[in-house]
């Protein structure tokens, strides 16, 4: 497995990480046995970075990772690195009601995560979205206290803009910023990515396949389950979906010329953007994981990158990446 280092102060991880959210929530029903098998396959393949959130299935995802690690070989278990997002407030019905970044809340969330994960430390800890009522300095300061106590190894951030990135980094070392980055979501290139590089902060890129939209497997006539949040995502609606899948068709021609899949091409493009970027792949099945791992063997030369840029130019995506109410929570968009 190829490796990359998250920033100047962060850990060395596998070049691809596994985003585990879909195994517990938001993408419709999941298969527990297949999820566990996929986690084991990822560990067997050398993936070390497992990304989760304490609010994914209200703790279900952390418990799933705990089970997978307990039943994995000792060597794989010891190499595993767990990245946890916290702070989202949920209802019994599954709704989101805001975020809590108060220092006491940070430590409370961490205590529960450590218990569910069955570990004595969290490798990377980050608030999922900035709490608008709490200065980021206070939230990061609380995580820094957890680092000092040995409960957390590294401090991460999620979906923050360049100004907030600077404020946070002035408090304590930041290993990485987790943020959406793909051929369809290139907003970080203007200010956020340059700022992260100036500060020595790595990027863990989620949504590299735009939630399956540019995987090459999503079709125009696909019916999404009622509990699949993509049914409310602007990019999956009506004319937006048609326009976005036209982009996928253009990307498919390039992939076919190289003898690889659309998904592999899209992941390889993110990998090509810099050694400080670690893509998170949200595979829920072993076959999708195997396909994603194939991207590590792809080299995109200058002609390939130019062709991809022509097929899917920056800003070509139709529709926002989240519904309007969720976009309002993104510090990275303001």
Protein backbone atom coordinates (compact mmCIF):
# COMPACT_ATOMS: atom_id res chain seq x y z
CA UNK A 1 0.00 0.00 0.00
CA UNK A 2 1.27 3.44 -0.91
CA UNK A 3 1.41 5.92 1.95
CA UNK A 4 1.01 9.66 2.38
CA UNK A 5 1.55 12.01 5.32
CA UNK A 6 -1.18 14.32 6.57
CA UNK A 7 0.46 17.70 6.79
CA UNK A 8 3.69 18.48 8.59
CA UNK A 9 2.45 17.35 12.00
CA UNK A 10 0.02 14.57 11.12
CA UNK A 11 0.37 10.81 10.80
CA UNK A 12 1.48 8.72 7.87
CA UNK A 13 -1.55 6.92 6.47
CA UNK A 14 -2.49 4.73 3.55
CA UNK A 15 -2.80 6.70 0.29
CA UNK A 16 -6.52 5.92 0.29
CA UNK A 17 -8.76 6.04 3.34
CA UNK A 18 -12.09 4.31 3.85
CA UNK A 19 -15.09 6.54 4.57
CA UNK A 20 -17.47 4.41 6.63
CA UNK A 21 -20.59 6.59 6.84
CA UNK A 22 -22.60 4.73 4.22
CA UNK A 23 -22.33 1.51 6.22
CA UNK A 24 -24.61 3.02 8.86
CA UNK A 25 -26.59 5.93 7.49
CA UNK A 26 -27.79 8.27 4.76
CA UNK A 27 -27.36 6.04 1.69
CA UNK A 28 -30.33 3.78 2.24
CA UNK A 29 -30.26 0.38 3.90
CA UNK A 30 -26.87 -1.29 4.34
CA UNK A 31 -25.81 -4.90 4.76
CA UNK A 32 -24.05 -5.40 8.10
CA UNK A 33 -22.24 -8.59 7.07
CA UNK A 34 -21.00 -7.02 3.84
CA UNK A 35 -19.96 -3.88 5.69
CA UNK A 36 -17.83 -5.92 8.09
CA UNK A 37 -16.38 -7.91 5.20
CA UNK A 38 -15.53 -4.66 3.40
CA UNK A 39 -13.82 -3.26 6.48
CA UNK A 40 -11.77 -6.44 6.79
CA UNK A 41 -10.91 -6.34 3.07
CA UNK A 42 -9.76 -2.74 3.43
CA UNK A 43 -7.50 -3.63 6.33
CA UNK A 44 -6.17 -6.66 4.44
CA UNK A 45 -5.35 -4.40 1.48
CA UNK A 46 -3.31 -2.10 3.70
CA UNK A 47 -5.80 0.70 4.21
CA UNK A 48 -5.08 2.14 7.63
CA UNK A 49 -7.27 5.27 7.74
CA UNK A 50 -10.89 4.64 8.74
CA UNK A 51 -13.11 7.72 8.79
CA UNK A 52 -16.29 7.90 10.84
CA UNK A 53 -18.53 10.25 12.81
CA UNK A 54 -20.12 9.72 16.21
CA UNK A 55 -23.46 10.74 14.66
CA UNK A 56 -23.36 8.22 11.79
CA UNK A 57 -26.30 6.08 12.76
CA UNK A 58 -26.16 7.63 16.27
CA UNK A 59 -23.10 5.62 17.26
CA UNK A 60 -23.81 2.62 15.04
CA UNK A 61 -20.81 3.31 12.81
CA UNK A 62 -18.35 3.49 15.67
CA UNK A 63 -19.67 0.23 17.09
CA UNK A 64 -19.37 -1.37 13.64
CA UNK A 65 -15.74 -0.30 13.37
CA UNK A 66 -15.13 -1.61 16.89
CA UNK A 67 -16.53 -5.00 15.88
CA UNK A 68 -14.49 -5.09 12.68
CA UNK A 69 -11.25 -4.27 14.49
CA UNK A 70 -11.88 -6.78 17.28
CA UNK A 71 -12.30 -9.54 14.70
CA UNK A 72 -9.35 -8.45 12.51
CA UNK A 73 -5.81 -9.83 12.75
CA UNK A 74 -3.78 -8.16 15.47
CA UNK A 75 -1.31 -6.62 13.01
CA UNK A 76 -4.08 -4.91 11.02
CA UNK A 77 -5.80 -3.78 14.19
CA UNK A 78 -2.63 -2.15 15.48
CA UNK A 79 -2.06 -0.24 12.23
CA UNK A 80 -5.62 1.07 12.00
CA UNK A 81 -6.06 4.82 12.44
CA UNK A 82 -9.51 6.14 13.28
CA UNK A 83 -10.61 9.62 12.31
CA UNK A 84 -13.76 10.78 14.15
CA UNK A 85 -16.05 13.74 13.48
CA UNK A 86 -18.20 14.99 16.35
CA UNK A 87 -20.55 17.81 17.21
CA UNK A 88 -23.68 17.11 15.17
CA UNK A 89 -26.90 17.18 17.18
CA UNK A 90 -29.56 14.65 16.17
CA UNK A 91 -33.20 13.90 16.88
CA UNK A 92 -34.75 10.49 17.57
CA UNK A 93 -36.21 10.64 14.07
CA UNK A 94 -32.77 11.19 12.56
CA UNK A 95 -32.92 14.91 11.90
CA UNK A 96 -30.06 17.35 12.42
CA UNK A 97 -30.64 20.30 14.75
CA UNK A 98 -27.25 22.00 14.80
CA UNK A 99 -23.72 21.60 16.14
CA UNK A 100 -22.12 21.88 19.56
CA UNK A 101 -18.49 22.93 19.83
CA UNK A 102 -18.39 24.00 23.48
CA UNK A 103 -15.29 22.66 25.28
CA UNK A 104 -17.27 20.57 27.76
CA UNK A 105 -19.32 19.13 24.92
CA UNK A 106 -16.14 18.27 22.98
CA UNK A 107 -14.85 16.23 25.91
CA UNK A 108 -18.24 14.62 26.43
CA UNK A 109 -18.46 13.54 22.78
CA UNK A 110 -14.92 12.12 22.98
CA UNK A 111 -15.70 10.08 26.09
CA UNK A 112 -18.62 8.39 24.37
CA UNK A 113 -16.63 7.75 21.16
CA UNK A 114 -13.77 6.13 23.05
CA UNK A 115 -16.25 3.81 24.75
CA UNK A 116 -18.02 2.84 21.52
CA UNK A 117 -14.77 2.36 19.62
CA UNK A 118 -13.25 0.30 22.42
CA UNK A 119 -9.96 2.16 22.29
CA UNK A 120 -7.96 4.39 24.59
CA UNK A 121 -7.32 7.08 21.97
CA UNK A 122 -8.71 8.61 18.79
CA UNK A 123 -6.12 9.15 16.07
CA UNK A 124 -7.68 12.27 14.52
CA UNK A 125 -10.54 14.22 16.11
CA UNK A 126 -12.49 17.02 14.44
CA UNK A 127 -15.76 18.89 14.74
CA UNK A 128 -17.96 18.05 11.75
CA UNK A 129 -19.10 21.64 11.20
CA UNK A 130 -18.09 24.85 12.93
CA UNK A 131 -20.45 25.79 15.76
CA UNK A 132 -21.41 29.40 14.91
CA UNK A 133 -21.95 30.17 18.58
CA UNK A 134 -18.50 29.01 19.75
CA UNK A 135 -15.19 30.48 18.55
CA UNK A 136 -13.16 27.86 16.73
CA UNK A 137 -10.29 28.67 19.08
CA UNK A 138 -12.29 27.29 22.02
CA UNK A 139 -13.26 24.10 20.20
CA UNK A 140 -9.72 23.42 18.99
CA UNK A 141 -8.36 24.31 22.42
CA UNK A 142 -10.55 21.62 23.98
CA UNK A 143 -9.26 19.02 21.51
CA UNK A 144 -5.72 20.17 22.31
CA UNK A 145 -6.41 19.38 25.97
CA UNK A 146 -7.54 15.89 24.91
CA UNK A 147 -4.26 15.53 23.01
CA UNK A 148 -2.31 16.57 26.10
CA UNK A 149 -4.22 13.99 28.16
CA UNK A 150 -3.43 11.24 25.63
CA UNK A 151 -7.03 10.66 24.51
CA UNK A 152 -6.47 12.12 21.02
CA UNK A 153 -3.35 11.93 18.81
CA UNK A 154 -4.02 14.64 16.19
CA UNK A 155 -6.40 17.56 15.64
CA UNK A 156 -8.31 17.79 12.39
CA UNK A 157 -10.87 20.18 10.95
CA UNK A 158 -13.83 19.69 8.63
CA UNK A 159 -15.38 21.99 6.02
CA UNK A 160 -13.77 25.21 7.23
CA UNK A 161 -12.75 28.21 5.15
CA UNK A 162 -9.28 29.74 4.86
CA UNK A 163 -9.79 32.34 7.61
CA UNK A 164 -11.02 29.75 10.10
CA UNK A 165 -8.15 27.45 9.13
CA UNK A 166 -5.67 30.18 10.09
CA UNK A 167 -7.42 30.90 13.39
CA UNK A 168 -7.45 27.22 14.34
CA UNK A 169 -3.82 26.66 13.37
CA UNK A 170 -2.78 29.56 15.62
CA UNK A 171 -4.12 27.59 18.61
CA UNK A 172 -2.61 24.15 18.03
CA UNK A 173 -1.06 22.02 15.27
CA UNK A 174 -3.68 20.85 12.73
CA UNK A 175 -2.95 17.62 10.90
CA UNK A 176 -5.55 17.82 8.15
CA UNK A 177 -8.68 19.43 6.82
CA UNK A 178 -11.43 17.07 5.75
CA UNK A 179 -13.40 18.62 2.93
CA UNK A 180 -15.23 17.64 -0.23
CA UNK A 181 -12.96 17.57 -3.26
CA UNK A 182 -13.67 15.92 -6.59
CA UNK A 183 -13.97 16.69 -10.28
CA UNK A 184 -17.40 18.13 -9.50
CA UNK A 185 -16.40 19.98 -6.31
CA UNK A 186 -13.28 22.07 -6.82
CA UNK A 187 -14.08 25.06 -4.65
CA UNK A 188 -11.10 24.49 -2.36
CA UNK A 189 -8.63 25.24 -5.14
CA UNK A 190 -9.11 29.02 -4.96
CA UNK A 191 -8.21 29.82 -1.34
CA UNK A 192 -8.61 26.86 1.01
CA UNK A 193 -6.07 24.48 -0.53
CA UNK A 194 -3.36 27.14 -0.92
CA UNK A 195 -3.89 28.21 2.70
CA UNK A 196 -3.71 24.62 3.94
CA UNK A 197 -0.45 24.13 2.05
CA UNK A 198 0.98 27.36 3.41
CA UNK A 199 0.18 26.19 6.94
CA UNK A 200 1.43 22.63 6.42
CA UNK A 201 -2.04 21.11 6.77
CA UNK A 202 -3.00 18.00 4.78
CA UNK A 203 -6.30 17.31 3.04
CA UNK A 204 -8.50 14.28 3.50
CA UNK A 205 -10.83 14.54 0.53
CA UNK A 206 -14.31 13.08 0.86
CA UNK A 207 -16.96 12.84 -1.85
CA UNK A 208 -14.31 11.98 -4.44
CA UNK A 209 -17.02 10.21 -6.46
CA UNK A 210 -19.61 12.86 -5.61
CA UNK A 211 -21.64 10.34 -3.61
CA UNK A 212 -21.66 7.90 -6.48
CA UNK A 213 -22.69 10.45 -9.08
CA UNK A 214 -19.40 10.16 -10.99
CA UNK A 215 -18.75 6.54 -10.14
CA UNK A 216 -19.90 5.38 -13.55
CA UNK A 217 -22.55 3.22 -11.88
CA UNK A 218 -25.31 5.80 -11.36
CA UNK A 219 -28.01 5.82 -14.04
CA UNK A 220 -30.65 8.36 -15.02
CA UNK A 221 -33.52 6.02 -14.19
CA UNK A 222 -32.23 4.92 -10.77
CA UNK A 223 -34.81 5.17 -7.98
CA UNK A 224 -33.37 6.17 -4.62
CA UNK A 225 -34.74 4.83 -1.35
CA UNK A 226 -36.65 7.16 0.93
CA UNK A 227 -33.81 7.02 3.49
CA UNK A 228 -31.14 7.89 0.90
CA UNK A 229 -30.23 11.55 1.37
CA UNK A 230 -29.17 11.86 -2.28
CA UNK A 231 -32.86 12.09 -3.06
CA UNK A 232 -32.71 15.61 -1.61
CA UNK A 233 -29.35 16.57 -3.07
CA UNK A 234 -29.58 19.24 -5.81
CA UNK A 235 -27.05 17.45 -8.02
CA UNK A 236 -29.29 14.39 -8.22
CA UNK A 237 -32.42 16.33 -9.23
CA UNK A 238 -34.06 16.61 -12.64
CA UNK A 239 -32.10 18.57 -15.22
CA UNK A 240 -29.13 18.82 -12.85
CA UNK A 241 -28.82 15.05 -12.83
CA UNK A 242 -28.98 14.88 -16.62
CA UNK A 243 -26.30 17.55 -17.02
CA UNK A 244 -24.03 15.91 -14.46
CA UNK A 245 -24.38 12.49 -16.02
CA UNK A 246 -23.47 14.06 -19.38
CA UNK A 247 -20.18 14.99 -17.73
CA UNK A 248 -19.80 11.39 -16.58
CA UNK A 249 -20.35 10.19 -20.13
CA UNK A 250 -17.52 12.46 -21.30
CA UNK A 251 -15.28 11.13 -18.53
CA UNK A 252 -16.21 7.57 -19.47
CA UNK A 253 -14.68 8.02 -22.92
CA UNK A 254 -11.34 8.94 -21.37
CA UNK A 255 -11.51 6.02 -18.94
CA UNK A 256 -12.29 3.56 -21.71
CA UNK A 257 -9.32 4.78 -23.74
CA UNK A 258 -7.08 4.01 -20.76
CA UNK A 259 -8.76 0.68 -20.09
CA UNK A 260 -9.90 1.66 -16.60
CA UNK A 261 -13.22 2.48 -14.96
CA UNK A 262 -14.84 5.87 -14.53
CA UNK A 263 -14.55 5.61 -10.75
CA UNK A 264 -10.86 4.75 -10.96
CA UNK A 265 -10.26 7.74 -13.22
CA UNK A 266 -12.06 10.11 -10.85
CA UNK A 267 -10.15 8.82 -7.80
CA UNK A 268 -6.83 8.89 -9.68
CA UNK A 269 -7.51 12.54 -10.55
CA UNK A 270 -7.85 13.44 -6.86
CA UNK A 271 -4.70 11.45 -6.07
CA UNK A 272 -2.88 13.43 -8.78
CA UNK A 273 -3.63 16.78 -7.16
CA UNK A 274 -0.85 16.45 -4.61
CA UNK A 275 0.90 14.09 -2.22
CA UNK A 276 -0.68 16.01 0.66
CA UNK A 277 -4.17 14.83 -0.33
CA UNK A 278 -5.62 11.51 0.86
CA UNK A 279 -8.90 10.57 -0.86
CA UNK A 280 -11.55 8.85 1.25
CA UNK A 281 -13.52 6.26 -0.69
CA UNK A 282 -16.98 5.45 0.63
CA UNK A 283 -17.13 1.83 -0.49
CA UNK A 284 -19.80 -0.25 1.27
CA UNK A 285 -19.09 -3.43 -0.71
CA UNK A 286 -15.96 -5.42 -1.43
CA UNK A 287 -16.32 -5.12 -5.19
CA UNK A 288 -16.53 -1.32 -5.01
CA UNK A 289 -13.54 -1.27 -2.67
CA UNK A 290 -11.52 -3.41 -5.07
CA UNK A 291 -12.39 -1.05 -7.91
CA UNK A 292 -11.33 1.97 -5.85
CA UNK A 293 -8.01 0.38 -4.91
CA UNK A 294 -7.28 -0.02 -8.61
CA UNK A 295 -6.94 3.75 -8.86
CA UNK A 296 -3.62 3.50 -7.03
CA UNK A 297 -2.13 1.77 -10.08
CA UNK A 298 -3.19 4.49 -12.53
CA UNK A 299 -0.83 7.21 -13.70
CA UNK A 300 -2.42 10.23 -15.35
CA UNK A 301 0.01 12.00 -17.66
CA UNK A 302 -0.28 15.58 -18.86
CA UNK A 303 -2.42 14.59 -21.86
CA UNK A 304 -4.77 12.58 -19.62
CA UNK A 305 -5.17 15.50 -17.21
CA UNK A 306 -5.81 17.92 -20.05
CA UNK A 307 -8.45 15.60 -21.50
CA UNK A 308 -10.14 15.25 -18.10
CA UNK A 309 -10.09 19.03 -17.63
CA UNK A 310 -11.73 19.45 -21.02
CA UNK A 311 -14.37 16.80 -20.28
CA UNK A 312 -15.17 18.04 -16.78
CA UNK A 313 -13.95 21.63 -16.39
CA UNK A 314 -13.94 23.35 -13.02
CA UNK A 315 -17.38 24.69 -12.17
CA UNK A 316 -19.17 22.40 -14.62
CA UNK A 317 -21.32 20.64 -11.98
CA UNK A 318 -25.02 21.45 -12.02
CA UNK A 319 -26.50 22.12 -8.57
CA UNK A 320 -25.03 22.71 -5.13
CA UNK A 321 -23.34 19.85 -3.29
CA UNK A 322 -25.81 20.01 -0.39
CA UNK A 323 -29.41 21.22 0.02
CA UNK A 324 -29.75 24.92 0.85
CA UNK A 325 -30.24 24.45 4.60
CA UNK A 326 -27.10 22.31 4.86
CA UNK A 327 -25.03 24.68 2.72
CA UNK A 328 -25.68 27.31 5.38
CA UNK A 329 -23.69 25.24 7.90
CA UNK A 330 -20.57 25.14 5.72
CA UNK A 331 -17.94 27.59 6.93
CA UNK A 332 -16.00 26.60 3.81
CA UNK A 333 -18.66 28.19 1.61
CA UNK A 334 -18.68 31.59 3.32
